[in-house]
Amino acid sequence: MAYKMEELAQKQPGFLGLESERNEIGITVSYWESLDAVKAWKNNLDHREAQLLGRKKWYKSYKVRIAKVEWEYDFEL
């Protein structure tokens, strides 16, 4: 389902990117160009069905955090 939702998100207006780690902690971070794009993704019918299935089948709990990224940088040797 995670892969299906990733493919669906990529087709949504305002989608900027996604980072996911499923092996250790199970986290997905998606990036959107506006709060309206975030709201549209939350209300996507296929996404809503996946959310309901997740509550019933896979997750005991989860957290949603909506934040604005002001600055990002990294370093790599």
N, C-alpha and C. Protein backbone atom coordinates (compact mmCIF):
# COMPACT_ATOMS: atom_id res chain seq x y z
N MET A 1 0.82 -1.19 0.00
CA MET A 1 0.00 0.00 0.00
C MET A 1 0.86 1.25 0.00
N ALA A 2 1.98 1.20 0.70
CA ALA A 2 2.87 2.37 0.75
C ALA A 2 3.35 2.75 -0.66
N TYR A 3 3.69 1.75 -1.45
CA TYR A 3 4.15 2.03 -2.82
C TYR A 3 3.02 2.59 -3.68
N LYS A 4 1.82 2.04 -3.48
CA LYS A 4 0.67 2.54 -4.23
C LYS A 4 0.39 4.00 -3.88
N MET A 5 0.47 4.34 -2.59
CA MET A 5 0.23 5.73 -2.16
C MET A 5 1.33 6.66 -2.67
N GLU A 6 2.55 6.17 -2.73
CA GLU A 6 3.64 6.98 -3.27
C GLU A 6 3.38 7.30 -4.74
N GLU A 7 2.98 6.31 -5.51
CA GLU A 7 2.66 6.54 -6.93
C GLU A 7 1.50 7.52 -7.08
N LEU A 8 0.49 7.37 -6.25
CA LEU A 8 -0.66 8.26 -6.30
C LEU A 8 -0.28 9.69 -5.92
N ALA A 9 0.52 9.84 -4.86
CA ALA A 9 0.95 11.18 -4.42
C ALA A 9 1.72 11.89 -5.52
N GLN A 10 2.57 11.17 -6.23
CA GLN A 10 3.37 11.77 -7.28
C GLN A 10 2.52 12.37 -8.40
N LYS A 11 1.30 11.90 -8.54
CA LYS A 11 0.41 12.39 -9.59
C LYS A 11 -0.43 13.60 -9.13
N GLN A 12 -0.35 13.92 -7.84
CA GLN A 12 -1.18 14.99 -7.29
C GLN A 12 -0.57 16.37 -7.57
N PRO A 13 -1.40 17.35 -7.88
CA PRO A 13 -0.90 18.72 -8.04
C PRO A 13 -0.23 19.20 -6.75
N GLY A 14 0.91 19.82 -6.90
CA GLY A 14 1.62 20.37 -5.75
C GLY A 14 2.59 19.43 -5.09
N PHE A 15 2.68 18.17 -5.53
CA PHE A 15 3.62 17.22 -4.94
C PHE A 15 5.05 17.61 -5.29
N LEU A 16 5.92 17.65 -4.28
CA LEU A 16 7.32 18.02 -4.49
C LEU A 16 8.28 16.87 -4.29
N GLY A 17 7.93 15.92 -3.44
CA GLY A 17 8.84 14.81 -3.19
C GLY A 17 8.43 14.02 -1.97
N LEU A 18 9.19 12.94 -1.72
CA LEU A 18 8.84 12.03 -0.64
C LEU A 18 10.10 11.34 -0.14
N GLU A 19 10.17 11.13 1.15
CA GLU A 19 11.24 10.34 1.76
C GLU A 19 10.57 9.31 2.66
N SER A 20 11.04 8.07 2.61
CA SER A 20 10.41 7.02 3.40
C SER A 20 11.46 6.08 3.96
N GLU A 21 11.25 5.65 5.19
CA GLU A 21 12.10 4.65 5.83
C GLU A 21 11.17 3.63 6.46
N ARG A 22 11.16 2.45 5.94
CA ARG A 22 10.24 1.42 6.41
C ARG A 22 10.91 0.35 7.25
N ASN A 23 12.22 0.22 7.22
CA ASN A 23 12.90 -0.89 7.89
C ASN A 23 12.95 -0.73 9.40
N GLU A 24 13.31 0.44 9.88
CA GLU A 24 13.56 0.61 11.31
C GLU A 24 12.40 1.26 12.06
N ILE A 25 11.93 2.39 11.56
CA ILE A 25 10.93 3.12 12.33
C ILE A 25 9.61 3.33 11.61
N GLY A 26 9.56 3.12 10.34
CA GLY A 26 8.33 3.28 9.58
C GLY A 26 7.86 4.72 9.52
N ILE A 27 8.58 5.54 8.75
CA ILE A 27 8.23 6.96 8.63
C ILE A 27 8.20 7.34 7.16
N THR A 28 7.26 8.18 6.81
CA THR A 28 7.19 8.74 5.48
C THR A 28 7.00 10.24 5.61
N VAL A 29 7.82 11.00 4.90
CA VAL A 29 7.71 12.45 4.87
C VAL A 29 7.42 12.85 3.43
N SER A 30 6.33 13.58 3.24
CA SER A 30 6.03 14.06 1.89
C SER A 30 6.11 15.57 1.88
N TYR A 31 6.48 16.11 0.73
CA TYR A 31 6.68 17.55 0.58
C TYR A 31 5.71 18.08 -0.46
N TRP A 32 5.08 19.21 -0.14
CA TRP A 32 4.05 19.80 -0.98
C TRP A 32 4.30 21.29 -1.13
N GLU A 33 3.85 21.85 -2.24
CA GLU A 33 4.13 23.26 -2.50
C GLU A 33 3.26 24.22 -1.71
N SER A 34 2.15 23.74 -1.14
CA SER A 34 1.28 24.65 -0.39
C SER A 34 0.41 23.86 0.59
N LEU A 35 -0.17 24.56 1.53
CA LEU A 35 -1.08 23.93 2.47
C LEU A 35 -2.33 23.43 1.74
N ASP A 36 -2.75 24.13 0.70
CA ASP A 36 -3.89 23.66 -0.09
C ASP A 36 -3.58 22.31 -0.75
N ALA A 37 -2.35 22.13 -1.22
CA ALA A 37 -1.95 20.85 -1.82
C ALA A 37 -1.95 19.74 -0.76
N VAL A 38 -1.52 20.06 0.45
CA VAL A 38 -1.56 19.09 1.56
C VAL A 38 -3.00 18.68 1.84
N LYS A 39 -3.88 19.66 1.92
CA LYS A 39 -5.29 19.36 2.20
C LYS A 39 -5.92 18.52 1.09
N ALA A 40 -5.58 18.82 -0.15
CA ALA A 40 -6.11 18.04 -1.27
C ALA A 40 -5.64 16.59 -1.19
N TRP A 41 -4.37 16.39 -0.81
CA TRP A 41 -3.85 15.03 -0.67
C TRP A 41 -4.56 14.31 0.48
N LYS A 42 -4.75 14.98 1.58
CA LYS A 42 -5.44 14.36 2.72
C LYS A 42 -6.85 13.93 2.33
N ASN A 43 -7.50 14.70 1.47
CA ASN A 43 -8.88 14.41 1.09
C ASN A 43 -9.02 13.54 -0.15
N ASN A 44 -7.91 13.12 -0.76
CA ASN A 44 -7.97 12.22 -1.90
C ASN A 44 -8.66 10.92 -1.48
N LEU A 45 -9.65 10.49 -2.23
CA LEU A 45 -10.47 9.33 -1.83
C LEU A 45 -9.65 8.05 -1.67
N ASP A 46 -8.73 7.77 -2.58
CA ASP A 46 -7.90 6.57 -2.47
C ASP A 46 -6.99 6.67 -1.24
N HIS A 47 -6.48 7.85 -0.97
CA HIS A 47 -5.63 8.06 0.20
C HIS A 47 -6.45 7.87 1.48
N ARG A 48 -7.66 8.37 1.49
CA ARG A 48 -8.54 8.22 2.67
C ARG A 48 -8.85 6.74 2.94
N GLU A 49 -9.08 5.97 1.88
CA GLU A 49 -9.31 4.53 2.03
C GLU A 49 -8.08 3.85 2.63
N ALA A 50 -6.91 4.24 2.16
CA ALA A 50 -5.66 3.66 2.70
C ALA A 50 -5.49 4.04 4.17
N GLN A 51 -5.87 5.26 4.53
CA GLN A 51 -5.78 5.68 5.94
C GLN A 51 -6.69 4.82 6.82
N LEU A 52 -7.91 4.58 6.37
CA LEU A 52 -8.83 3.75 7.14
C LEU A 52 -8.31 2.32 7.28
N LEU A 53 -7.79 1.77 6.20
CA LEU A 53 -7.22 0.43 6.24
C LEU A 53 -6.02 0.38 7.19
N GLY A 54 -5.20 1.42 7.16
CA GLY A 54 -4.06 1.48 8.06
C GLY A 54 -4.48 1.46 9.52
N ARG A 55 -5.53 2.20 9.85
CA ARG A 55 -6.02 2.22 11.24
C ARG A 55 -6.55 0.85 11.66
N LYS A 56 -7.19 0.16 10.74
CA LYS A 56 -7.77 -1.14 11.06
C LYS A 56 -6.75 -2.27 11.08
N LYS A 57 -5.75 -2.18 10.19
CA LYS A 57 -4.91 -3.34 9.93
C LYS A 57 -3.46 -3.21 10.38
N TRP A 58 -2.82 -2.04 10.19
CA TRP A 58 -1.38 -1.97 10.37
C TRP A 58 -0.90 -1.16 11.56
N TYR A 59 -1.61 -0.13 11.94
CA TYR A 59 -1.08 0.81 12.93
C TYR A 59 -1.86 0.77 14.24
N LYS A 60 -1.12 0.76 15.34
CA LYS A 60 -1.72 0.96 16.66
C LYS A 60 -1.87 2.45 16.93
N SER A 61 -0.93 3.21 16.37
CA SER A 61 -0.97 4.67 16.51
C SER A 61 -0.11 5.27 15.40
N TYR A 62 -0.31 6.54 15.16
CA TYR A 62 0.54 7.28 14.23
C TYR A 62 0.44 8.76 14.55
N LYS A 63 1.33 9.52 13.96
CA LYS A 63 1.36 10.97 14.17
C LYS A 63 1.50 11.65 12.83
N VAL A 64 0.75 12.71 12.65
CA VAL A 64 0.87 13.55 11.45
C VAL A 64 1.40 14.90 11.91
N ARG A 65 2.40 15.37 11.22
CA ARG A 65 2.98 16.68 11.53
C ARG A 65 3.06 17.46 10.23
N ILE A 66 2.49 18.65 10.23
CA ILE A 66 2.57 19.53 9.07
C ILE A 66 3.47 20.68 9.45
N ALA A 67 4.54 20.85 8.69
CA ALA A 67 5.54 21.86 9.01
C ALA A 67 6.04 22.51 7.74
N LYS A 68 6.56 23.70 7.89
CA LYS A 68 7.15 24.42 6.77
C LYS A 68 8.67 24.34 6.88
N VAL A 69 9.30 23.85 5.83
CA VAL A 69 10.76 23.77 5.79
C VAL A 69 11.29 25.12 5.33
N GLU A 70 12.03 25.77 6.19
CA GLU A 70 12.59 27.09 5.88
C GLU A 70 13.96 26.99 5.23
N TRP A 71 14.73 25.98 5.63
CA TRP A 71 16.09 25.89 5.16
C TRP A 71 16.55 24.45 5.31
N GLU A 72 17.34 23.98 4.35
CA GLU A 72 17.89 22.64 4.42
C GLU A 72 19.30 22.65 3.83
N TYR A 73 20.18 21.91 4.47
CA TYR A 73 21.51 21.69 3.90
C TYR A 73 22.04 20.38 4.42
N ASP A 74 23.03 19.82 3.74
CA ASP A 74 23.65 18.59 4.22
C ASP A 74 25.13 18.59 3.87
N PHE A 75 25.82 17.64 4.40
CA PHE A 75 27.25 17.48 4.17
C PHE A 75 27.51 16.01 3.94
N GLU A 76 28.35 15.70 2.98
CA GLU A 76 28.69 14.31 2.71
C GLU A 76 30.12 14.25 2.20
N LEU A 77 30.90 13.33 2.74
CA LEU A 77 32.29 13.12 2.26
C LEU A 77 32.29 12.27 1.03
